[in-house]
Amino acid sequence: MTKPVIGFIGLGLMGGNMVENLQKRGYQVNVMDLSAEAVARVIDRGNATAFTSAKELAAASDVVQFCLTTSAVVEKIVYGDDGVLAGIKEGSVLVDFGTSIPASTKKIGAALAEKGAGMIDAPLGRTPAHAKDGLLNIMAAGEMETFNKVKALLEEQGENVFHLGALGAGHTTKLINNFMGMTTVATMSQAFAVAKLAGVDGQQLFDIMSAGPSNSPFMQFCKFYAVDGEEKLGFSVANANKDLGYFLAMCEDLGTKSLIAQGTSTSLQEAVDAGMGQNDVPVIFDYFTKLAK
């Protein structure tokens, strides 16, 4: 069966590697990105076309995939006069791999449905290295008929592809996952910071805490920075700050609130303001140690 033509917008570290994986598997790709260098790398590998118009890219593609930074960017590329919505073909599918606000995702899905197109929200787990080999974890959601249209494609991009239910469930799950993960990292980092301020040896604290139920990969990542001075998590304070903000927006949409997320979000924002935005989240340890000064 002929492979669908893939339009891919967003060629950052994750998106660029995802496109390379598609090219290795014989897909024709149409690509768009603000980085001319990122586009050139795709074109040099062959079987690819560069676009500067999201409308034209969508019109020339069977499946459009996003790997973008924020819901605001997604909406701009969808709704603009020269956007995806203006050009997408009936029967096509838009797949959003980013981490977006579920209410925004559902709104876009409804607009696409009016044009006879479908949408899947499919946030990702694992790393850019996994993306290059098609070994991501993909948390997909949307109508089953739409999901089945792209299931085989997603299985070439991810080792584990989950269908989580109605449109928005993927982004909801990702935000819950990141809420749990980033509040845990912030809490553990502050634990190490308080230990340092109190004169308790960080390695000893780690040995004690990791011998009990607090032990986890997150504990390891926090120890790597607080004790060993190494950044190994691969997830930035700025990204965590964005995702906690989205989690809080989702809670508001649901008519609830999270004081835990509010507290973590405040700390993350202050760490961003202190110039730590591009550092790994466990580097927030430095922010917590400086609070006492």
C-alpha atoms as a PDB file:
ATOM      1  CA  MET A   1       0.000   0.000   0.000  1.00  0.00           C
ATOM      2  CA  THR A   2       1.296   3.480  -0.879  1.00  0.00           C
ATOM      3  CA  LYS A   3       2.699   5.360   2.087  1.00  0.00           C
ATOM      4  CA  PRO A   4       0.959   8.652   2.938  1.00  0.00           C
ATOM      5  CA  VAL A   5       2.766  11.916   2.258  1.00  0.00           C
ATOM      6  CA  ILE A   6       3.701  13.476   5.591  1.00  0.00           C
ATOM      7  CA  GLY A   7       3.732  17.202   6.224  1.00  0.00           C
ATOM      8  CA  PHE A   8       5.873  17.949   9.278  1.00  0.00           C
ATOM      9  CA  ILE A   9       6.084  21.346  10.976  1.00  0.00           C
ATOM     10  CA  GLY A  10       8.655  21.832  13.729  1.00  0.00           C
ATOM     11  CA  LEU A  11      12.171  20.516  13.114  1.00  0.00           C
ATOM     12  CA  GLY A  12      13.745  21.005  16.513  1.00  0.00           C
ATOM     13  CA  LEU A  13      15.815  18.281  18.132  1.00  0.00           C
ATOM     14  CA  MET A  14      12.829  15.957  18.581  1.00  0.00           C
ATOM     15  CA  GLY A  15      10.985  16.850  15.385  1.00  0.00           C
ATOM     16  CA  GLY A  16      14.112  16.767  13.235  1.00  0.00           C
ATOM     17  CA  ASN A  17      14.946  13.268  14.418  1.00  0.00           C
ATOM     18  CA  MET A  18      11.358  12.139  13.875  1.00  0.00           C
ATOM     19  CA  VAL A  19      11.547  13.307  10.266  1.00  0.00           C
ATOM     20  CA  GLU A  20      14.873  11.538   9.757  1.00  0.00           C
ATOM     21  CA  ASN A  21      13.226   8.327  10.976  1.00  0.00           C
ATOM     22  CA  LEU A  22      10.366   8.802   8.500  1.00  0.00           C
ATOM     23  CA  GLN A  23      12.801   9.371   5.650  1.00  0.00           C
ATOM     24  CA  LYS A  24      14.754   6.222   6.527  1.00  0.00           C
ATOM     25  CA  ARG A  25      11.466   4.320   6.341  1.00  0.00           C
ATOM     26  CA  GLY A  26      10.696   5.563   2.851  1.00  0.00           C
ATOM     27  CA  TYR A  27       8.170   8.327   3.499  1.00  0.00           C
ATOM     28  CA  GLN A  28       7.955  11.407   1.338  1.00  0.00           C
ATOM     29  CA  VAL A  29       7.990  14.434   3.640  1.00  0.00           C
ATOM     30  CA  ASN A  30       6.960  18.051   3.264  1.00  0.00           C
ATOM     31  CA  VAL A  31       8.622  20.175   5.924  1.00  0.00           C
ATOM     32  CA  MET A  32       8.464  23.654   7.388  1.00  0.00           C
ATOM     33  CA  ASP A  33      10.524  25.341  10.092  1.00  0.00           C
ATOM     34  CA  LEU A  34      11.929  28.758  10.930  1.00  0.00           C
ATOM     35  CA  SER A  35      15.446  27.272  10.851  1.00  0.00           C
ATOM     36  CA  ALA A  36      16.815  27.158   7.311  1.00  0.00           C
ATOM     37  CA  GLU A  37      19.574  24.838   8.505  1.00  0.00           C
ATOM     38  CA  ALA A  38      17.081  22.322   9.915  1.00  0.00           C
ATOM     39  CA  VAL A  39      15.120  22.360   6.658  1.00  0.00           C
ATOM     40  CA  ALA A  40      18.315  21.955   4.598  1.00  0.00           C
ATOM     41  CA  ARG A  41      19.305  18.835   6.553  1.00  0.00           C
ATOM     42  CA  VAL A  42      15.986  17.225   5.640  1.00  0.00           C
ATOM     43  CA  ILE A  43      16.183  18.253   1.985  1.00  0.00           C
ATOM     44  CA  ASP A  44      19.750  16.927   1.685  1.00  0.00           C
ATOM     45  CA  ARG A  45      18.540  13.438   2.670  1.00  0.00           C
ATOM     46  CA  GLY A  46      16.169  13.415  -0.306  1.00  0.00           C
ATOM     47  CA  ASN A  47      12.492  12.653  -0.966  1.00  0.00           C
ATOM     48  CA  ALA A  48      11.540  15.906   0.752  1.00  0.00           C
ATOM     49  CA  THR A  49      10.061  19.279  -0.146  1.00  0.00           C
ATOM     50  CA  ALA A  50      10.410  22.516   1.811  1.00  0.00           C
ATOM     51  CA  PHE A  51       7.449  24.826   2.359  1.00  0.00           C
ATOM     52  CA  THR A  52       7.143  28.325   3.797  1.00  0.00           C
ATOM     53  CA  SER A  53       3.333  28.211   3.842  1.00  0.00           C
ATOM     54  CA  ALA A  54       1.462  25.962   6.284  1.00  0.00           C
ATOM     55  CA  LYS A  55      -1.593  26.217   4.028  1.00  0.00           C
ATOM     56  CA  GLU A  56       0.307  24.905   1.015  1.00  0.00           C
ATOM     57  CA  LEU A  57       2.069  22.218   3.068  1.00  0.00           C
ATOM     58  CA  ALA A  58      -1.275  20.940   4.348  1.00  0.00           C
ATOM     59  CA  ALA A  59      -2.766  20.913   0.846  1.00  0.00           C
ATOM     60  CA  ALA A  60       0.156  18.799  -0.398  1.00  0.00           C
ATOM     61  CA  SER A  61       0.090  16.278   2.491  1.00  0.00           C
ATOM     62  CA  ASP A  62      -2.064  13.338   3.582  1.00  0.00           C
ATOM     63  CA  VAL A  63      -1.069  13.592   7.239  1.00  0.00           C
ATOM     64  CA  VAL A  64       0.182  16.783   8.901  1.00  0.00           C
ATOM     65  CA  GLN A  65       2.306  16.421  12.038  1.00  0.00           C
ATOM     66  CA  PHE A  66       3.326  19.107  14.518  1.00  0.00           C
ATOM     67  CA  CYS A  67       6.245  19.058  16.932  1.00  0.00           C
ATOM     68  CA  LEU A  68       5.917  22.606  18.253  1.00  0.00           C
ATOM     69  CA  THR A  69       6.688  24.435  21.461  1.00  0.00           C
ATOM     70  CA  THR A  70       3.436  25.926  22.765  1.00  0.00           C
ATOM     71  CA  SER A  71      -0.326  25.963  22.297  1.00  0.00           C
ATOM     72  CA  ALA A  72      -0.043  29.574  21.125  1.00  0.00           C
ATOM     73  CA  VAL A  73       2.308  28.548  18.303  1.00  0.00           C
ATOM     74  CA  VAL A  74       0.037  25.641  17.355  1.00  0.00           C
ATOM     75  CA  GLU A  75      -2.994  27.921  17.155  1.00  0.00           C
ATOM     76  CA  LYS A  76      -1.110  30.485  15.083  1.00  0.00           C
ATOM     77  CA  ILE A  77      -0.068  27.849  12.545  1.00  0.00           C
ATOM     78  CA  VAL A  78      -3.554  26.322  12.429  1.00  0.00           C
ATOM     79  CA  TYR A  79      -5.727  29.441  12.308  1.00  0.00           C
ATOM     80  CA  GLY A  80      -3.606  31.955  10.392  1.00  0.00           C
ATOM     81  CA  ASP A  81      -4.760  33.158   6.969  1.00  0.00           C
ATOM     82  CA  ASP A  82      -1.974  31.029   5.537  1.00  0.00           C
ATOM     83  CA  GLY A  83      -2.492  28.270   8.121  1.00  0.00           C
ATOM     84  CA  VAL A  84      -3.134  24.552   8.108  1.00  0.00           C
ATOM     85  CA  LEU A  85      -6.891  24.943   8.499  1.00  0.00           C
ATOM     86  CA  ALA A  86      -7.067  26.954   5.284  1.00  0.00           C
ATOM     87  CA  GLY A  87      -5.317  24.264   3.256  1.00  0.00           C
ATOM     88  CA  ILE A  88      -5.979  20.863   4.811  1.00  0.00           C
ATOM     89  CA  LYS A  89      -7.713  18.321   2.587  1.00  0.00           C
ATOM     90  CA  GLU A  90     -10.873  16.447   3.417  1.00  0.00           C
ATOM     91  CA  GLY A  91      -9.944  13.075   4.893  1.00  0.00           C
ATOM     92  CA  SER A  92      -6.543  14.264   6.094  1.00  0.00           C
ATOM     93  CA  VAL A  93      -5.379  13.991   9.706  1.00  0.00           C
ATOM     94  CA  LEU A  94      -3.498  16.473  11.886  1.00  0.00           C
ATOM     95  CA  VAL A  95      -1.299  14.908  14.593  1.00  0.00           C
ATOM     96  CA  ASP A  96      -0.032  17.199  17.363  1.00  0.00           C
ATOM     97  CA  PHE A  97       3.007  15.661  19.081  1.00  0.00           C
ATOM     98  CA  GLY A  98       3.612  18.672  21.323  1.00  0.00           C
ATOM     99  CA  THR A  99       2.357  19.316  24.835  1.00  0.00           C
ATOM    100  CA  SER A 100      -0.703  21.531  24.471  1.00  0.00           C
ATOM    101  CA  ILE A 101      -3.663  22.748  26.522  1.00  0.00           C
ATOM    102  CA  PRO A 102      -6.473  20.174  26.068  1.00  0.00           C
ATOM    103  CA  ALA A 103      -9.164  22.849  25.611  1.00  0.00           C
ATOM    104  CA  SER A 104      -7.166  24.284  22.698  1.00  0.00           C
ATOM    105  CA  THR A 105      -6.751  20.817  21.195  1.00  0.00           C
ATOM    106  CA  LYS A 106     -10.494  20.145  21.318  1.00  0.00           C
ATOM    107  CA  LYS A 107     -11.230  23.522  19.723  1.00  0.00           C
ATOM    108  CA  ILE A 108      -8.842  22.816  16.853  1.00  0.00           C
ATOM    109  CA  GLY A 109     -10.304  19.338  16.421  1.00  0.00           C
ATOM    110  CA  ALA A 110     -13.801  20.788  16.055  1.00  0.00           C
ATOM    111  CA  ALA A 111     -12.611  23.294  13.439  1.00  0.00           C
ATOM    112  CA  LEU A 112     -10.886  20.543  11.462  1.00  0.00           C
ATOM    113  CA  ALA A 113     -13.988  18.344  11.621  1.00  0.00           C
ATOM    114  CA  GLU A 114     -15.959  21.088   9.895  1.00  0.00           C
ATOM    115  CA  LYS A 115     -13.560  20.705   6.957  1.00  0.00           C
ATOM    116  CA  GLY A 116     -13.838  16.919   6.950  1.00  0.00           C
ATOM    117  CA  ALA A 117     -10.389  16.404   8.501  1.00  0.00           C
ATOM    118  CA  GLY A 118      -9.470  14.586  11.712  1.00  0.00           C
ATOM    119  CA  MET A 119      -7.110  15.245  14.591  1.00  0.00           C
ATOM    120  CA  ILE A 120      -5.061  13.151  16.980  1.00  0.00           C
ATOM    121  CA  ASP A 121      -3.252  14.584  19.996  1.00  0.00           C
ATOM    122  CA  ALA A 122      -0.189  12.444  20.542  1.00  0.00           C
ATOM    123  CA  PRO A 123       2.325  13.825  23.063  1.00  0.00           C
ATOM    124  CA  LEU A 124       5.588  11.976  23.372  1.00  0.00           C
ATOM    125  CA  GLY A 125       7.671  10.169  25.935  1.00  0.00           C
ATOM    126  CA  ARG A 126      11.382   9.322  25.717  1.00  0.00           C
ATOM    127  CA  THR A 127      14.190  11.238  24.015  1.00  0.00           C
ATOM    128  CA  PRO A 128      15.315  12.592  20.629  1.00  0.00           C
ATOM    129  CA  ALA A 129      17.620   9.560  20.348  1.00  0.00           C
ATOM    130  CA  HIS A 130      14.552   7.311  20.530  1.00  0.00           C
ATOM    131  CA  ALA A 131      12.839   9.534  17.939  1.00  0.00           C
ATOM    132  CA  LYS A 132      15.580   8.872  15.401  1.00  0.00           C
ATOM    133  CA  ASP A 133      15.035   5.120  15.744  1.00  0.00           C
ATOM    134  CA  GLY A 134      11.233   5.210  15.885  1.00  0.00           C
ATOM    135  CA  LEU A 135      11.183   4.102  19.532  1.00  0.00           C
ATOM    136  CA  LEU A 136       9.150   6.849  21.192  1.00  0.00           C
ATOM    137  CA  ASN A 137       6.268   6.365  23.587  1.00  0.00           C
ATOM    138  CA  ILE A 138       3.206   7.954  21.973  1.00  0.00           C
ATOM    139  CA  MET A 139       0.129   8.887  24.024  1.00  0.00           C
ATOM    140  CA  ALA A 140      -2.462   9.214  21.252  1.00  0.00           C
ATOM    141  CA  ALA A 141      -6.113  10.219  21.548  1.00  0.00           C
ATOM    142  CA  GLY A 142      -8.969  10.980  19.206  1.00  0.00           C
ATOM    143  CA  GLU A 143     -11.804   9.227  17.416  1.00  0.00           C
ATOM    144  CA  MET A 144     -10.991   5.569  16.798  1.00  0.00           C
ATOM    145  CA  GLU A 145     -11.660   5.877  13.079  1.00  0.00           C
ATOM    146  CA  THR A 146      -9.170   8.743  12.865  1.00  0.00           C
ATOM    147  CA  PHE A 147      -6.644   6.910  15.040  1.00  0.00           C
ATOM    148  CA  ASN A 148      -6.850   3.834  12.809  1.00  0.00           C
ATOM    149  CA  LYS A 149      -5.981   5.994   9.790  1.00  0.00           C
ATOM    150  CA  VAL A 150      -2.604   6.874  11.300  1.00  0.00           C
ATOM    151  CA  LYS A 151      -1.984   3.895  13.596  1.00  0.00           C
ATOM    152  CA  ALA A 152       0.460   2.162  11.230  1.00  0.00           C
ATOM    153  CA  LEU A 153       2.344   5.437  10.769  1.00  0.00           C
ATOM    154  CA  LEU A 154       2.550   6.073  14.516  1.00  0.00           C
ATOM    155  CA  GLU A 155       3.835   2.530  15.040  1.00  0.00           C
ATOM    156  CA  GLU A 156       6.772   3.401  12.777  1.00  0.00           C
ATOM    157  CA  GLN A 157       7.457   6.433  14.961  1.00  0.00           C
ATOM    158  CA  GLY A 158       6.939   4.858  18.367  1.00  0.00           C
ATOM    159  CA  GLU A 159       7.771   1.570  20.047  1.00  0.00           C
ATOM    160  CA  ASN A 160       4.756   1.936  22.327  1.00  0.00           C
ATOM    161  CA  VAL A 161       1.629   3.568  20.909  1.00  0.00           C
ATOM    162  CA  PHE A 162      -1.268   4.004  23.322  1.00  0.00           C
ATOM    163  CA  HIS A 163      -4.810   5.050  22.427  1.00  0.00           C
ATOM    164  CA  LEU A 164      -6.167   6.897  25.432  1.00  0.00           C
ATOM    165  CA  GLY A 165      -9.684   7.838  24.378  1.00  0.00           C
ATOM    166  CA  ALA A 166     -11.363  10.987  23.083  1.00  0.00           C
ATOM    167  CA  LEU A 167      -9.458  13.919  21.610  1.00  0.00           C
ATOM    168  CA  GLY A 168      -7.571  15.779  24.341  1.00  0.00           C
ATOM    169  CA  ALA A 169      -6.950  12.715  26.502  1.00  0.00           C
ATOM    170  CA  GLY A 170      -3.365  12.486  25.254  1.00  0.00           C
ATOM    171  CA  HIS A 171      -2.518  16.059  26.216  1.00  0.00           C
ATOM    172  CA  THR A 172      -4.380  15.643  29.499  1.00  0.00           C
ATOM    173  CA  THR A 173      -2.364  12.530  30.343  1.00  0.00           C
ATOM    174  CA  LYS A 174       0.921  14.203  29.388  1.00  0.00           C
ATOM    175  CA  LEU A 175       0.189  17.220  31.573  1.00  0.00           C
ATOM    176  CA  ILE A 176      -0.725  14.989  34.518  1.00  0.00           C
ATOM    177  CA  ASN A 177       2.472  13.002  33.939  1.00  0.00           C
ATOM    178  CA  ASN A 178       4.589  16.152  33.855  1.00  0.00           C
ATOM    179  CA  PHE A 179       2.799  17.621  36.887  1.00  0.00           C
ATOM    180  CA  MET A 180       3.686  14.512  38.878  1.00  0.00           C
ATOM    181  CA  GLY A 181       7.240  14.375  37.551  1.00  0.00           C
ATOM    182  CA  MET A 182       8.178  18.037  37.860  1.00  0.00           C
ATOM    183  CA  THR A 183       6.647  18.545  41.316  1.00  0.00           C
ATOM    184  CA  THR A 184       8.580  15.455  42.412  1.00  0.00           C
ATOM    185  CA  VAL A 185      11.860  16.785  41.026  1.00  0.00           C
ATOM    186  CA  ALA A 186      11.308  20.219  42.548  1.00  0.00           C
ATOM    187  CA  THR A 187      10.456  18.682  45.936  1.00  0.00           C
ATOM    188  CA  MET A 188      13.458  16.373  45.933  1.00  0.00           C
ATOM    189  CA  SER A 189      15.763  19.194  44.800  1.00  0.00           C
ATOM    190  CA  GLN A 190      14.576  21.355  47.675  1.00  0.00           C
ATOM    191  CA  ALA A 191      15.156  18.458  50.053  1.00  0.00           C
ATOM    192  CA  PHE A 192      18.804  18.353  48.966  1.00  0.00           C
ATOM    193  CA  ALA A 193      19.002  22.161  49.207  1.00  0.00           C
ATOM    194  CA  VAL A 194      17.656  22.215  52.773  1.00  0.00           C
ATOM    195  CA  ALA A 195      20.079  19.417  53.694  1.00  0.00           C
ATOM    196  CA  LYS A 196      22.971  21.484  52.358  1.00  0.00           C
ATOM    197  CA  LEU A 197      21.830  24.579  54.257  1.00  0.00           C
ATOM    198  CA  ALA A 198      21.531  22.494  57.425  1.00  0.00           C
ATOM    199  CA  GLY A 199      24.960  20.939  57.000  1.00  0.00           C
ATOM    200  CA  VAL A 200      23.673  17.435  56.199  1.00  0.00           C
ATOM    201  CA  ASP A 201      25.795  15.525  53.692  1.00  0.00           C
ATOM    202  CA  GLY A 202      23.926  15.167  50.379  1.00  0.00           C
ATOM    203  CA  GLN A 203      25.361  11.753  49.595  1.00  0.00           C
ATOM    204  CA  GLN A 204      24.267  10.442  52.985  1.00  0.00           C
ATOM    205  CA  LEU A 205      20.799  11.910  52.473  1.00  0.00           C
ATOM    206  CA  PHE A 206      20.589  10.164  49.112  1.00  0.00           C
ATOM    207  CA  ASP A 207      21.756   6.849  50.591  1.00  0.00           C
ATOM    208  CA  ILE A 208      19.058   7.027  53.259  1.00  0.00           C
ATOM    209  CA  MET A 209      16.190   8.202  51.024  1.00  0.00           C
ATOM    210  CA  SER A 210      17.027   5.854  48.172  1.00  0.00           C
ATOM    211  CA  ALA A 211      16.944   2.892  50.561  1.00  0.00           C
ATOM    212  CA  GLY A 212      13.206   3.459  51.037  1.00  0.00           C
ATOM    213  CA  PRO A 213      10.115   4.101  48.917  1.00  0.00           C
ATOM    214  CA  SER A 214      11.356   7.545  47.809  1.00  0.00           C
ATOM    215  CA  ASN A 215      13.875   5.844  45.529  1.00  0.00           C
ATOM    216  CA  SER A 216      13.170   6.504  41.868  1.00  0.00           C
ATOM    217  CA  PRO A 217      14.838   7.638  38.635  1.00  0.00           C
ATOM    218  CA  PHE A 218      13.880  11.190  39.612  1.00  0.00           C
ATOM    219  CA  MET A 219      15.748  10.790  42.885  1.00  0.00           C
ATOM    220  CA  GLN A 220      18.772   9.681  40.867  1.00  0.00           C
ATOM    221  CA  PHE A 221      18.557  12.727  38.574  1.00  0.00           C
ATOM    222  CA  CYS A 222      18.264  15.087  41.551  1.00  0.00           C
ATOM    223  CA  LYS A 223      21.256  13.453  43.229  1.00  0.00           C
ATOM    224  CA  PHE A 224      23.293  13.665  40.018  1.00  0.00           C
ATOM    225  CA  TYR A 225      23.058  17.454  40.197  1.00  0.00           C
ATOM    226  CA  ALA A 226      22.791  18.225  43.912  1.00  0.00           C
ATOM    227  CA  VAL A 227      25.639  15.888  44.888  1.00  0.00           C
ATOM    228  CA  ASP A 228      27.650  15.265  41.716  1.00  0.00           C
ATOM    229  CA  GLY A 229      27.032  18.531  39.839  1.00  0.00           C
ATOM    230  CA  GLU A 230      25.895  16.786  36.635  1.00  0.00           C
ATOM    231  CA  GLU A 231      22.841  17.640  34.509  1.00  0.00           C
ATOM    232  CA  LYS A 232      21.379  14.403  33.140  1.00  0.00           C
ATOM    233  CA  LEU A 233      17.578  14.715  33.090  1.00  0.00           C
ATOM    234  CA  GLY A 234      17.385  16.365  29.658  1.00  0.00           C
ATOM    235  CA  PHE A 235      14.266  18.429  30.458  1.00  0.00           C
ATOM    236  CA  SER A 236      14.604  22.163  30.981  1.00  0.00           C
ATOM    237  CA  VAL A 237      13.266  24.400  33.730  1.00  0.00           C
ATOM    238  CA  ALA A 238      11.568  26.497  31.026  1.00  0.00           C
ATOM    239  CA  ASN A 239       9.717  23.470  29.622  1.00  0.00           C
ATOM    240  CA  ALA A 240       8.679  22.353  33.091  1.00  0.00           C
ATOM    241  CA  ASN A 241       7.459  25.873  33.823  1.00  0.00           C
ATOM    242  CA  LYS A 242       5.381  25.901  30.633  1.00  0.00           C
ATOM    243  CA  ASP A 243       3.860  22.488  31.350  1.00  0.00           C
ATOM    244  CA  LEU A 244       2.953  23.370  34.952  1.00  0.00           C
ATOM    245  CA  GLY A 245       1.274  26.502  33.634  1.00  0.00           C
ATOM    246  CA  TYR A 246      -0.725  24.375  31.190  1.00  0.00           C
ATOM    247  CA  PHE A 247      -1.639  21.967  33.993  1.00  0.00           C
ATOM    248  CA  LEU A 248      -2.965  24.864  36.054  1.00  0.00           C
ATOM    249  CA  ALA A 249      -4.955  26.142  33.061  1.00  0.00           C
ATOM    250  CA  MET A 250      -6.410  22.665  32.612  1.00  0.00           C
ATOM    251  CA  CYS A 251      -7.394  22.529  36.285  1.00  0.00           C
ATOM    252  CA  GLU A 252      -9.127  25.884  35.922  1.00  0.00           C
ATOM    253  CA  ASP A 253     -11.009  24.615  32.851  1.00  0.00           C
ATOM    254  CA  LEU A 254     -12.113  21.619  34.949  1.00  0.00           C
ATOM    255  CA  GLY A 255     -13.355  23.839  37.778  1.00  0.00           C
ATOM    256  CA  THR A 256     -10.686  22.765  40.259  1.00  0.00           C
ATOM    257  CA  LYS A 257      -7.317  24.009  41.496  1.00  0.00           C
ATOM    258  CA  SER A 258      -3.955  22.605  42.563  1.00  0.00           C
ATOM    259  CA  LEU A 259      -2.061  24.352  45.341  1.00  0.00           C
ATOM    260  CA  ILE A 260       0.766  21.863  44.801  1.00  0.00           C
ATOM    261  CA  ALA A 261       1.111  22.874  41.143  1.00  0.00           C
ATOM    262  CA  GLN A 262       0.837  26.556  42.082  1.00  0.00           C
ATOM    263  CA  GLY A 263       3.725  26.264  44.507  1.00  0.00           C
ATOM    264  CA  THR A 264       5.923  24.374  42.062  1.00  0.00           C
ATOM    265  CA  SER A 265       5.000  26.782  39.262  1.00  0.00           C
ATOM    266  CA  THR A 266       6.032  29.760  41.402  1.00  0.00           C
ATOM    267  CA  SER A 267       9.426  28.182  42.095  1.00  0.00           C
ATOM    268  CA  LEU A 268       9.959  27.266  38.443  1.00  0.00           C
ATOM    269  CA  GLN A 269       9.050  30.771  37.278  1.00  0.00           C
ATOM    270  CA  GLU A 270      11.453  32.336  39.760  1.00  0.00           C
ATOM    271  CA  ALA A 271      14.183  29.941  38.596  1.00  0.00           C
ATOM    272  CA  VAL A 272      13.498  31.018  34.993  1.00  0.00           C
ATOM    273  CA  ASP A 273      13.693  34.669  36.076  1.00  0.00           C
ATOM    274  CA  ALA A 274      17.035  33.857  37.735  1.00  0.00           C
ATOM    275  CA  GLY A 275      18.447  32.696  34.384  1.00  0.00           C
ATOM    276  CA  MET A 276      18.075  28.934  34.864  1.00  0.00           C
ATOM    277  CA  GLY A 277      15.457  28.394  32.156  1.00  0.00           C
ATOM    278  CA  GLN A 278      17.635  26.340  29.827  1.00  0.00           C
ATOM    279  CA  ASN A 279      19.140  24.218  32.594  1.00  0.00           C
ATOM    280  CA  ASP A 280      17.847  20.796  33.632  1.00  0.00           C
ATOM    281  CA  VAL A 281      15.034  20.928  36.200  1.00  0.00           C
ATOM    282  CA  PRO A 282      17.233  19.545  39.062  1.00  0.00           C
ATOM    283  CA  VAL A 283      19.352  22.712  38.743  1.00  0.00           C
ATOM    284  CA  ILE A 284      16.496  24.380  40.648  1.00  0.00           C
ATOM    285  CA  PHE A 285      18.539  23.081  43.605  1.00  0.00           C
ATOM    286  CA  ASP A 286      20.708  26.195  43.120  1.00  0.00           C
ATOM    287  CA  TYR A 287      17.669  28.462  43.308  1.00  0.00           C
ATOM    288  CA  PHE A 288      16.540  26.807  46.546  1.00  0.00           C
ATOM    289  CA  THR A 289      19.975  27.129  48.155  1.00  0.00           C
ATOM    290  CA  LYS A 290      20.135  30.836  47.261  1.00  0.00           C
ATOM    291  CA  LEU A 291      16.743  31.591  48.800  1.00  0.00           C
ATOM    292  CA  ALA A 292      18.356  31.602  52.225  1.00  0.00           C
ATOM    293  CA  LYS A 293      20.836  34.326  51.292  1.00  0.00           C
END
